[in-house]
């Protein structure tokens, strides 16, 4: 499905070593998760979050 939408590759951060990507997507929203993504993304990071409470 990702390739049909124009993405060429999708990987989990835990599977990465030294690769760099143009786009990273974080659904966790925790600071350590986002900070780790900065190590592998050169261009854009999308952070998806859901507000809790009122």
PDB file of N, CA and C in Angstrom:
ATOM      1  N   UNK A   1       0.810  -1.193   0.000  1.00  0.00           N
ATOM      2  CA  UNK A   1       0.000   0.000   0.000  1.00  0.00           C
ATOM      3  C   UNK A   1       0.859   1.265   0.000  1.00  0.00           C
ATOM      4  N   UNK A   2       1.975   1.258   0.718  1.00  0.00           N
ATOM      5  CA  UNK A   2       2.834   2.443   0.764  1.00  0.00           C
ATOM      6  C   UNK A   2       3.398   2.785  -0.610  1.00  0.00           C
ATOM      7  N   UNK A   3       3.816   1.779  -1.350  1.00  0.00           N
ATOM      8  CA  UNK A   3       4.384   2.036  -2.678  1.00  0.00           C
ATOM      9  C   UNK A   3       3.338   2.601  -3.627  1.00  0.00           C
ATOM     10  N   UNK A   4       2.084   2.184  -3.480  1.00  0.00           N
ATOM     11  CA  UNK A   4       1.011   2.730  -4.320  1.00  0.00           C
ATOM     12  C   UNK A   4       0.811   4.211  -4.045  1.00  0.00           C
ATOM     13  N   UNK A   5       1.102   4.634  -2.825  1.00  0.00           N
ATOM     14  CA  UNK A   5       0.926   6.036  -2.445  1.00  0.00           C
ATOM     15  C   UNK A   5       2.180   6.872  -2.703  1.00  0.00           C
ATOM     16  N   UNK A   6       3.197   6.278  -3.292  1.00  0.00           N
ATOM     17  CA  UNK A   6       4.391   7.026  -3.650  1.00  0.00           C
ATOM     18  C   UNK A   6       5.556   6.885  -2.686  1.00  0.00           C
ATOM     19  N   UNK A   7       5.359   6.170  -1.579  1.00  0.00           N
ATOM     20  CA  UNK A   7       6.471   5.932  -0.663  1.00  0.00           C
ATOM     21  C   UNK A   7       7.291   4.769  -1.196  1.00  0.00           C
ATOM     22  N   UNK A   8       8.591   4.844  -1.060  1.00  0.00           N
ATOM     23  CA  UNK A   8       9.428   3.778  -1.597  1.00  0.00           C
ATOM     24  C   UNK A   8       9.848   2.772  -0.545  1.00  0.00           C
ATOM     25  N   UNK A   9       9.833   3.185   0.733  1.00  0.00           N
ATOM     26  CA  UNK A   9      10.306   2.280   1.770  1.00  0.00           C
ATOM     27  C   UNK A   9       9.756   2.714   3.124  1.00  0.00           C
ATOM     28  N   UNK A  10       9.438   1.759   3.956  1.00  0.00           N
ATOM     29  CA  UNK A  10       8.998   2.037   5.328  1.00  0.00           C
ATOM     30  C   UNK A  10       9.764   1.118   6.263  1.00  0.00           C
ATOM     31  N   UNK A  11      10.281   1.684   7.362  1.00  0.00           N
ATOM     32  CA  UNK A  11      11.049   0.892   8.318  1.00  0.00           C
ATOM     33  C   UNK A  11      10.737   1.357   9.729  1.00  0.00           C
ATOM     34  N   UNK A  12      10.896   0.457  10.670  1.00  0.00           N
ATOM     35  CA  UNK A  12      10.806   0.808  12.078  1.00  0.00           C
ATOM     36  C   UNK A  12      12.120   1.427  12.519  1.00  0.00           C
ATOM     37  N   UNK A  13      12.078   2.400  13.388  1.00  0.00           N
ATOM     38  CA  UNK A  13      13.306   3.035  13.877  1.00  0.00           C
ATOM     39  C   UNK A  13      14.215   2.001  14.529  1.00  0.00           C
ATOM     40  N   UNK A  14      13.626   1.013  15.192  1.00  0.00           N
ATOM     41  CA  UNK A  14      14.437  -0.003  15.865  1.00  0.00           C
ATOM     42  C   UNK A  14      15.245  -0.861  14.886  1.00  0.00           C
ATOM     43  N   UNK A  15      14.878  -0.834  13.601  1.00  0.00           N
ATOM     44  CA  UNK A  15      15.597  -1.613  12.581  1.00  0.00           C
ATOM     45  C   UNK A  15      16.662  -0.791  11.854  1.00  0.00           C
ATOM     46  N   UNK A  16      16.812   0.466  12.182  1.00  0.00           N
ATOM     47  CA  UNK A  16      17.734   1.343  11.461  1.00  0.00           C
ATOM     48  C   UNK A  16      19.136   1.306  12.050  1.00  0.00           C
ATOM     49  N   UNK A  17      20.100   1.600  11.202  1.00  0.00           N
ATOM     50  CA  UNK A  17      21.492   1.711  11.659  1.00  0.00           C
ATOM     51  C   UNK A  17      22.017   3.101  11.306  1.00  0.00           C
ATOM     52  N   UNK A  18      22.435   3.303  10.067  1.00  0.00           N
ATOM     53  CA  UNK A  18      22.985   4.597   9.667  1.00  0.00           C
ATOM     54  C   UNK A  18      22.198   5.239   8.527  1.00  0.00           C
ATOM     55  N   UNK A  19      21.084   4.644   8.131  1.00  0.00           N
ATOM     56  CA  UNK A  19      20.302   5.193   7.022  1.00  0.00           C
ATOM     57  C   UNK A  19      19.736   6.563   7.381  1.00  0.00           C
ATOM     58  N   UNK A  20      19.546   7.399   6.363  1.00  0.00           N
ATOM     59  CA  UNK A  20      18.907   8.699   6.513  1.00  0.00           C
ATOM     60  C   UNK A  20      17.724   8.763   5.550  1.00  0.00           C
ATOM     61  N   UNK A  21      16.645   9.397   5.995  1.00  0.00           N
ATOM     62  CA  UNK A  21      15.430   9.473   5.196  1.00  0.00           C
ATOM     63  C   UNK A  21      14.978  10.921   5.063  1.00  0.00           C
ATOM     64  N   UNK A  22      14.174  11.198   4.044  1.00  0.00           N
ATOM     65  CA  UNK A  22      13.619  12.522   3.829  1.00  0.00           C
ATOM     66  C   UNK A  22      12.396  12.768   4.697  1.00  0.00           C
ATOM     67  N   UNK A  23      11.681  11.711   5.071  1.00  0.00           N
ATOM     68  CA  UNK A  23      10.447  11.841   5.824  1.00  0.00           C
ATOM     69  C   UNK A  23      10.395  10.826   6.951  1.00  0.00           C
ATOM     70  N   UNK A  24      10.041  11.286   8.133  1.00  0.00           N
ATOM     71  CA  UNK A  24       9.824  10.401   9.270  1.00  0.00           C
ATOM     72  C   UNK A  24       8.456  10.673   9.853  1.00  0.00           C
ATOM     73  N   UNK A  25       7.822   9.654  10.381  1.00  0.00           N
ATOM     74  CA  UNK A  25       6.457   9.765  10.901  1.00  0.00           C
ATOM     75  C   UNK A  25       6.422   9.142  12.284  1.00  0.00           C
ATOM     76  N   UNK A  26       6.025   9.911  13.281  1.00  0.00           N
ATOM     77  CA  UNK A  26       5.972   9.405  14.650  1.00  0.00           C
ATOM     78  C   UNK A  26       4.535   9.404  15.152  1.00  0.00           C
ATOM     79  N   UNK A  27       4.101   8.266  15.649  1.00  0.00           N
ATOM     80  CA  UNK A  27       2.750   8.140  16.204  1.00  0.00           C
ATOM     81  C   UNK A  27       2.774   8.002  17.718  1.00  0.00           C
ATOM     82  N   UNK A  28       3.944   7.920  18.321  1.00  0.00           N
ATOM     83  CA  UNK A  28       4.059   7.733  19.761  1.00  0.00           C
ATOM     84  C   UNK A  28       3.874   9.067  20.476  1.00  0.00           C
ATOM     85  N   UNK A  29       4.594  10.082  20.025  1.00  0.00           N
ATOM     86  CA  UNK A  29       4.470  11.413  20.596  1.00  0.00           C
ATOM     87  C   UNK A  29       5.306  11.653  21.837  1.00  0.00           C
ATOM     88  N   UNK A  30       5.935  10.625  22.367  1.00  0.00           N
ATOM     89  CA  UNK A  30       6.800  10.791  23.542  1.00  0.00           C
ATOM     90  C   UNK A  30       8.111  11.442  23.098  1.00  0.00           C
ATOM     91  N   UNK A  31       8.628  12.324  23.922  1.00  0.00           N
ATOM     92  CA  UNK A  31       9.848  13.053  23.568  1.00  0.00           C
ATOM     93  C   UNK A  31      11.005  12.146  23.153  1.00  0.00           C
ATOM     94  N   UNK A  32      11.299  11.043  23.866  1.00  0.00           N
ATOM     95  CA  UNK A  32      12.408  10.182  23.435  1.00  0.00           C
ATOM     96  C   UNK A  32      12.183   9.570  22.047  1.00  0.00           C
ATOM     97  N   UNK A  33      10.949   9.255  21.728  1.00  0.00           N
ATOM     98  CA  UNK A  33      10.637   8.682  20.417  1.00  0.00           C
ATOM     99  C   UNK A  33      10.898   9.689  19.305  1.00  0.00           C
ATOM    100  N   UNK A  34      10.431  10.910  19.493  1.00  0.00           N
ATOM    101  CA  UNK A  34      10.635  11.962  18.495  1.00  0.00           C
ATOM    102  C   UNK A  34      12.115  12.308  18.393  1.00  0.00           C
ATOM    103  N   UNK A  35      12.797  12.419  19.514  1.00  0.00           N
ATOM    104  CA  UNK A  35      14.221  12.750  19.516  1.00  0.00           C
ATOM    105  C   UNK A  35      15.027  11.693  18.765  1.00  0.00           C
ATOM    106  N   UNK A  36      14.704  10.432  18.946  1.00  0.00           N
ATOM    107  CA  UNK A  36      15.394   9.360  18.237  1.00  0.00           C
ATOM    108  C   UNK A  36      15.163   9.454  16.730  1.00  0.00           C
ATOM    109  N   UNK A  37      13.971   9.847  16.325  1.00  0.00           N
ATOM    110  CA  UNK A  37      13.662   9.975  14.904  1.00  0.00           C
ATOM    111  C   UNK A  37      14.529  11.046  14.241  1.00  0.00           C
ATOM    112  N   UNK A  38      14.876  12.101  15.001  1.00  0.00           N
ATOM    113  CA  UNK A  38      15.744  13.149  14.462  1.00  0.00           C
ATOM    114  C   UNK A  38      17.090  12.597  13.995  1.00  0.00           C
ATOM    115  N   UNK A  39      17.527  11.493  14.547  1.00  0.00           N
ATOM    116  CA  UNK A  39      18.804  10.895  14.152  1.00  0.00           C
ATOM    117  C   UNK A  39      18.775  10.286  12.759  1.00  0.00           C
ATOM    118  N   UNK A  40      17.582  10.018  12.220  1.00  0.00           N
ATOM    119  CA  UNK A  40      17.476   9.293  10.963  1.00  0.00           C
ATOM    120  C   UNK A  40      16.765  10.074   9.859  1.00  0.00           C
ATOM    121  N   UNK A  41      16.281  11.264  10.151  1.00  0.00           N
ATOM    122  CA  UNK A  41      15.506  12.024   9.167  1.00  0.00           C
ATOM    123  C   UNK A  41      16.211  13.343   8.867  1.00  0.00           C
ATOM    124  N   UNK A  42      16.374  13.631   7.577  1.00  0.00           N
ATOM    125  CA  UNK A  42      17.074  14.845   7.161  1.00  0.00           C
ATOM    126  C   UNK A  42      16.140  15.989   6.790  1.00  0.00           C
ATOM    127  N   UNK A  43      14.907  15.698   6.398  1.00  0.00           N
ATOM    128  CA  UNK A  43      14.036  16.744   5.873  1.00  0.00           C
ATOM    129  C   UNK A  43      12.821  17.041   6.747  1.00  0.00           C
ATOM    130  N   UNK A  44      11.873  16.108   6.817  1.00  0.00           N
ATOM    131  CA  UNK A  44      10.585  16.379   7.448  1.00  0.00           C
ATOM    132  C   UNK A  44      10.204  15.277   8.433  1.00  0.00           C
ATOM    133  N   UNK A  45       9.642  15.695   9.555  1.00  0.00           N
ATOM    134  CA  UNK A  45       9.100  14.752  10.535  1.00  0.00           C
ATOM    135  C   UNK A  45       7.643  15.117  10.778  1.00  0.00           C
ATOM    136  N   UNK A  46       6.781  14.140  10.656  1.00  0.00           N
ATOM    137  CA  UNK A  46       5.365  14.302  10.962  1.00  0.00           C
ATOM    138  C   UNK A  46       5.114  13.669  12.310  1.00  0.00           C
ATOM    139  N   UNK A  47       4.497  14.423  13.225  1.00  0.00           N
ATOM    140  CA  UNK A  47       4.187  13.908  14.554  1.00  0.00           C
ATOM    141  C   UNK A  47       2.668  13.857  14.680  1.00  0.00           C
ATOM    142  N   UNK A  48       2.147  12.655  14.845  1.00  0.00           N
ATOM    143  CA  UNK A  48       0.711  12.463  14.995  1.00  0.00           C
ATOM    144  C   UNK A  48       0.409  12.263  16.467  1.00  0.00           C
ATOM    145  N   UNK A  49      -0.506  13.045  16.977  1.00  0.00           N
ATOM    146  CA  UNK A  49      -0.860  12.908  18.389  1.00  0.00           C
ATOM    147  C   UNK A  49      -2.348  13.066  18.592  1.00  0.00           C
ATOM    148  N   UNK A  50      -2.833  12.509  19.676  1.00  0.00           N
ATOM    149  CA  UNK A  50      -4.231  12.614  20.037  1.00  0.00           C
ATOM    150  C   UNK A  50      -4.315  13.273  21.408  1.00  0.00           C
ATOM    151  N   UNK A  51      -5.089  14.338  21.499  1.00  0.00           N
ATOM    152  CA  UNK A  51      -5.247  15.034  22.772  1.00  0.00           C
ATOM    153  C   UNK A  51      -6.053  14.194  23.746  1.00  0.00           C
ATOM    154  N   UNK A  52      -5.678  14.257  24.992  1.00  0.00           N
ATOM    155  CA  UNK A  52      -6.408  13.535  26.044  1.00  0.00           C
ATOM    156  C   UNK A  52      -7.089  14.556  26.942  1.00  0.00           C
ATOM    157  N   UNK A  53      -8.199  14.163  27.479  1.00  0.00           N
ATOM    158  CA  UNK A  53      -8.896  15.031  28.420  1.00  0.00           C
ATOM    159  C   UNK A  53      -9.648  16.150  27.730  1.00  0.00           C
ATOM    160  N   UNK A  54      -9.991  17.166  28.509  1.00  0.00           N
ATOM    161  CA  UNK A  54     -10.777  18.297  27.985  1.00  0.00           C
ATOM    162  C   UNK A  54      -9.910  19.276  27.217  1.00  0.00           C
TER     163      UNK A  54
END
